[in-house]
Amino acid sequence: MLTIYVDPKKQNQVVQLSDQDRGYLSVQPETDGADRYTFTFTGHAHPSFWHEGALTDGLEETVRSIDGTQKYQILFR
């Protein structure tokens, strides 16, 4: 499982991954009041994904892509 380190006090930010790779988190409010958190990674090592609703410490996401399955865990810093 790959860990994504997120600062819960920031909206849009560069994030660090446990394998020393980096990505970008952007937050967009949705019309229903929930936020959409989009995690984007450059290159092809990690598939990008989005999460709707509250982002919580320890949240786990499983992303299925053409390259296989990647498991992520979100940890607050």
N, C-alpha and C. Protein backbone atom coordinates (compact mmCIF):
# COMPACT_ATOMS: atom_id res chain seq x y z
N MET A 1 0.85 -1.17 0.00
CA MET A 1 0.00 0.00 0.00
C MET A 1 0.90 1.24 0.00
N LEU A 2 0.54 2.20 -0.81
CA LEU A 2 1.29 3.45 -0.94
C LEU A 2 0.61 4.51 -0.09
N THR A 3 1.40 5.26 0.68
CA THR A 3 0.85 6.31 1.54
C THR A 3 0.99 7.66 0.86
N ILE A 4 -0.08 8.47 0.95
CA ILE A 4 -0.06 9.85 0.45
C ILE A 4 -0.16 10.76 1.67
N TYR A 5 0.83 11.64 1.84
CA TYR A 5 0.86 12.55 2.99
C TYR A 5 0.20 13.87 2.60
N VAL A 6 -0.83 14.26 3.36
CA VAL A 6 -1.65 15.43 3.05
C VAL A 6 -1.66 16.38 4.25
N ASP A 7 -1.55 17.68 3.99
CA ASP A 7 -1.73 18.70 5.03
C ASP A 7 -3.22 19.03 5.07
N PRO A 8 -3.94 18.67 6.15
CA PRO A 8 -5.39 18.88 6.18
C PRO A 8 -5.79 20.36 6.25
N LYS A 9 -4.83 21.25 6.51
CA LYS A 9 -5.13 22.67 6.61
C LYS A 9 -5.08 23.38 5.26
N LYS A 10 -4.56 22.70 4.24
CA LYS A 10 -4.43 23.31 2.91
C LYS A 10 -5.43 22.70 1.96
N GLN A 11 -5.88 23.49 1.00
CA GLN A 11 -6.77 22.98 -0.03
C GLN A 11 -5.92 22.38 -1.15
N ASN A 12 -5.49 23.18 -2.10
CA ASN A 12 -4.68 22.70 -3.22
C ASN A 12 -3.22 22.64 -2.77
N GLN A 13 -2.55 21.51 -3.04
CA GLN A 13 -1.20 21.34 -2.52
C GLN A 13 -0.45 20.25 -3.26
N VAL A 14 0.88 20.33 -3.17
CA VAL A 14 1.75 19.26 -3.62
C VAL A 14 1.77 18.23 -2.50
N VAL A 15 1.64 16.95 -2.85
CA VAL A 15 1.64 15.89 -1.84
C VAL A 15 2.85 14.98 -2.05
N GLN A 16 3.33 14.43 -0.95
CA GLN A 16 4.47 13.50 -0.96
C GLN A 16 3.94 12.09 -0.80
N LEU A 17 4.51 11.15 -1.53
CA LEU A 17 4.14 9.75 -1.41
C LEU A 17 5.22 8.99 -0.65
N SER A 18 4.86 7.86 -0.09
CA SER A 18 5.81 7.08 0.71
C SER A 18 6.97 6.52 -0.11
N ASP A 19 6.84 6.45 -1.43
CA ASP A 19 7.94 5.99 -2.27
C ASP A 19 8.79 7.16 -2.79
N GLN A 20 8.62 8.34 -2.18
CA GLN A 20 9.34 9.57 -2.50
C GLN A 20 8.87 10.26 -3.77
N ASP A 21 7.87 9.72 -4.42
CA ASP A 21 7.27 10.38 -5.59
C ASP A 21 6.41 11.53 -5.08
N ARG A 22 5.99 12.40 -5.99
CA ARG A 22 5.14 13.53 -5.62
C ARG A 22 3.91 13.56 -6.52
N GLY A 23 2.89 14.26 -6.05
CA GLY A 23 1.68 14.43 -6.82
C GLY A 23 1.05 15.75 -6.44
N TYR A 24 -0.16 16.00 -6.92
CA TYR A 24 -0.85 17.24 -6.63
C TYR A 24 -2.28 16.93 -6.21
N LEU A 25 -2.72 17.59 -5.15
CA LEU A 25 -4.09 17.47 -4.68
C LEU A 25 -4.82 18.77 -4.97
N SER A 26 -5.93 18.67 -5.69
CA SER A 26 -6.78 19.84 -5.91
C SER A 26 -8.15 19.54 -5.32
N VAL A 27 -8.75 20.57 -4.73
CA VAL A 27 -10.05 20.43 -4.07
C VAL A 27 -11.06 21.31 -4.78
N GLN A 28 -12.18 20.71 -5.18
CA GLN A 28 -13.24 21.45 -5.85
C GLN A 28 -14.56 21.21 -5.13
N PRO A 29 -15.26 22.28 -4.77
CA PRO A 29 -16.59 22.10 -4.17
C PRO A 29 -17.58 21.61 -5.22
N GLU A 30 -18.44 20.72 -4.83
CA GLU A 30 -19.48 20.19 -5.71
C GLU A 30 -20.80 20.89 -5.40
N THR A 31 -21.75 20.79 -6.31
CA THR A 31 -23.04 21.46 -6.13
C THR A 31 -23.83 20.90 -4.95
N ASP A 32 -23.59 19.66 -4.56
CA ASP A 32 -24.33 19.06 -3.44
C ASP A 32 -23.71 19.40 -2.08
N GLY A 33 -22.67 20.24 -2.07
CA GLY A 33 -22.04 20.64 -0.82
C GLY A 33 -20.81 19.83 -0.44
N ALA A 34 -20.64 18.66 -1.03
CA ALA A 34 -19.46 17.84 -0.75
C ALA A 34 -18.28 18.37 -1.57
N ASP A 35 -17.08 18.06 -1.12
CA ASP A 35 -15.89 18.44 -1.87
C ASP A 35 -15.40 17.24 -2.68
N ARG A 36 -14.78 17.54 -3.82
CA ARG A 36 -14.13 16.49 -4.61
C ARG A 36 -12.62 16.72 -4.51
N TYR A 37 -11.92 15.70 -4.04
CA TYR A 37 -10.48 15.73 -3.89
C TYR A 37 -9.87 14.95 -5.05
N THR A 38 -9.11 15.63 -5.89
CA THR A 38 -8.50 14.98 -7.05
C THR A 38 -7.00 14.86 -6.83
N PHE A 39 -6.50 13.64 -6.86
CA PHE A 39 -5.08 13.36 -6.71
C PHE A 39 -4.52 13.06 -8.10
N THR A 40 -3.55 13.86 -8.52
CA THR A 40 -2.96 13.71 -9.84
C THR A 40 -1.48 13.39 -9.69
N PHE A 41 -1.02 12.40 -10.43
CA PHE A 41 0.38 12.00 -10.38
C PHE A 41 0.95 12.05 -11.80
N THR A 42 2.12 12.64 -11.93
CA THR A 42 2.76 12.71 -13.24
C THR A 42 3.45 11.39 -13.53
N GLY A 43 3.68 11.13 -14.76
CA GLY A 43 4.28 9.86 -15.14
C GLY A 43 3.23 8.75 -15.08
N HIS A 44 3.69 7.54 -15.18
CA HIS A 44 2.76 6.41 -15.23
C HIS A 44 2.95 5.44 -14.07
N ALA A 45 3.70 5.85 -13.06
CA ALA A 45 3.96 4.95 -11.93
C ALA A 45 2.71 4.76 -11.06
N HIS A 46 1.88 5.82 -10.94
CA HIS A 46 0.72 5.76 -10.06
C HIS A 46 -0.50 6.32 -10.78
N PRO A 47 -1.63 5.60 -10.74
CA PRO A 47 -2.83 6.13 -11.38
C PRO A 47 -3.44 7.27 -10.55
N SER A 48 -3.89 8.30 -11.23
CA SER A 48 -4.59 9.41 -10.58
C SER A 48 -6.00 8.96 -10.21
N PHE A 49 -6.60 9.64 -9.23
CA PHE A 49 -7.96 9.29 -8.80
C PHE A 49 -8.60 10.48 -8.11
N TRP A 50 -9.91 10.36 -7.85
CA TRP A 50 -10.61 11.39 -7.08
C TRP A 50 -11.45 10.72 -6.01
N HIS A 51 -11.75 11.52 -4.97
CA HIS A 51 -12.56 11.06 -3.84
C HIS A 51 -13.59 12.14 -3.54
N GLU A 52 -14.84 11.76 -3.44
CA GLU A 52 -15.90 12.71 -3.07
C GLU A 52 -16.27 12.51 -1.62
N GLY A 53 -16.48 13.62 -0.92
CA GLY A 53 -16.84 13.56 0.49
C GLY A 53 -15.65 13.92 1.35
N ALA A 54 -15.80 13.70 2.64
CA ALA A 54 -14.76 14.09 3.59
C ALA A 54 -13.49 13.27 3.39
N LEU A 55 -12.38 13.96 3.47
CA LEU A 55 -11.07 13.32 3.42
C LEU A 55 -10.64 13.11 4.87
N THR A 56 -10.41 11.88 5.29
CA THR A 56 -10.10 11.59 6.68
C THR A 56 -8.73 10.94 6.82
N ASP A 57 -8.13 11.13 7.97
CA ASP A 57 -6.83 10.52 8.26
C ASP A 57 -6.98 9.01 8.28
N GLY A 58 -6.16 8.32 7.51
CA GLY A 58 -6.21 6.86 7.45
C GLY A 58 -7.11 6.31 6.37
N LEU A 59 -7.76 7.20 5.60
CA LEU A 59 -8.65 6.76 4.52
C LEU A 59 -7.89 5.89 3.52
N GLU A 60 -8.49 4.80 3.10
CA GLU A 60 -7.87 3.91 2.11
C GLU A 60 -8.69 3.92 0.83
N GLU A 61 -8.01 3.97 -0.29
CA GLU A 61 -8.64 3.96 -1.62
C GLU A 61 -7.97 2.88 -2.46
N THR A 62 -8.78 2.14 -3.19
CA THR A 62 -8.27 1.17 -4.15
C THR A 62 -8.61 1.69 -5.54
N VAL A 63 -7.58 1.84 -6.37
CA VAL A 63 -7.75 2.39 -7.72
C VAL A 63 -7.40 1.30 -8.72
N ARG A 64 -8.35 1.05 -9.60
CA ARG A 64 -8.13 0.06 -10.66
C ARG A 64 -7.90 0.80 -11.97
N SER A 65 -6.83 0.46 -12.64
CA SER A 65 -6.52 1.11 -13.92
C SER A 65 -6.09 0.04 -14.91
N ILE A 66 -5.77 0.48 -16.10
CA ILE A 66 -5.32 -0.45 -17.14
C ILE A 66 -4.01 -1.13 -16.75
N ASP A 67 -3.25 -0.49 -15.85
CA ASP A 67 -1.97 -1.03 -15.41
C ASP A 67 -2.09 -1.94 -14.20
N GLY A 68 -3.30 -2.11 -13.67
CA GLY A 68 -3.50 -2.96 -12.50
C GLY A 68 -4.14 -2.20 -11.36
N THR A 69 -4.05 -2.77 -10.17
CA THR A 69 -4.67 -2.20 -8.98
C THR A 69 -3.61 -1.54 -8.11
N GLN A 70 -3.92 -0.35 -7.60
CA GLN A 70 -3.04 0.38 -6.69
C GLN A 70 -3.83 0.73 -5.44
N LYS A 71 -3.28 0.43 -4.27
CA LYS A 71 -3.94 0.79 -3.01
C LYS A 71 -3.20 1.98 -2.41
N TYR A 72 -4.00 2.97 -1.96
CA TYR A 72 -3.46 4.17 -1.34
C TYR A 72 -4.03 4.32 0.06
N GLN A 73 -3.24 4.93 0.94
CA GLN A 73 -3.72 5.33 2.25
C GLN A 73 -3.37 6.82 2.41
N ILE A 74 -4.35 7.60 2.88
CA ILE A 74 -4.16 9.03 3.11
C ILE A 74 -3.79 9.23 4.58
N LEU A 75 -2.66 9.89 4.83
CA LEU A 75 -2.28 10.22 6.20
C LEU A 75 -2.08 11.73 6.30
N PHE A 76 -2.62 12.31 7.37
CA PHE A 76 -2.46 13.74 7.60
C PHE A 76 -1.10 14.01 8.24
N ARG A 77 -0.50 15.11 7.84
CA ARG A 77 0.78 15.56 8.42
C ARG A 77 0.58 16.83 9.16
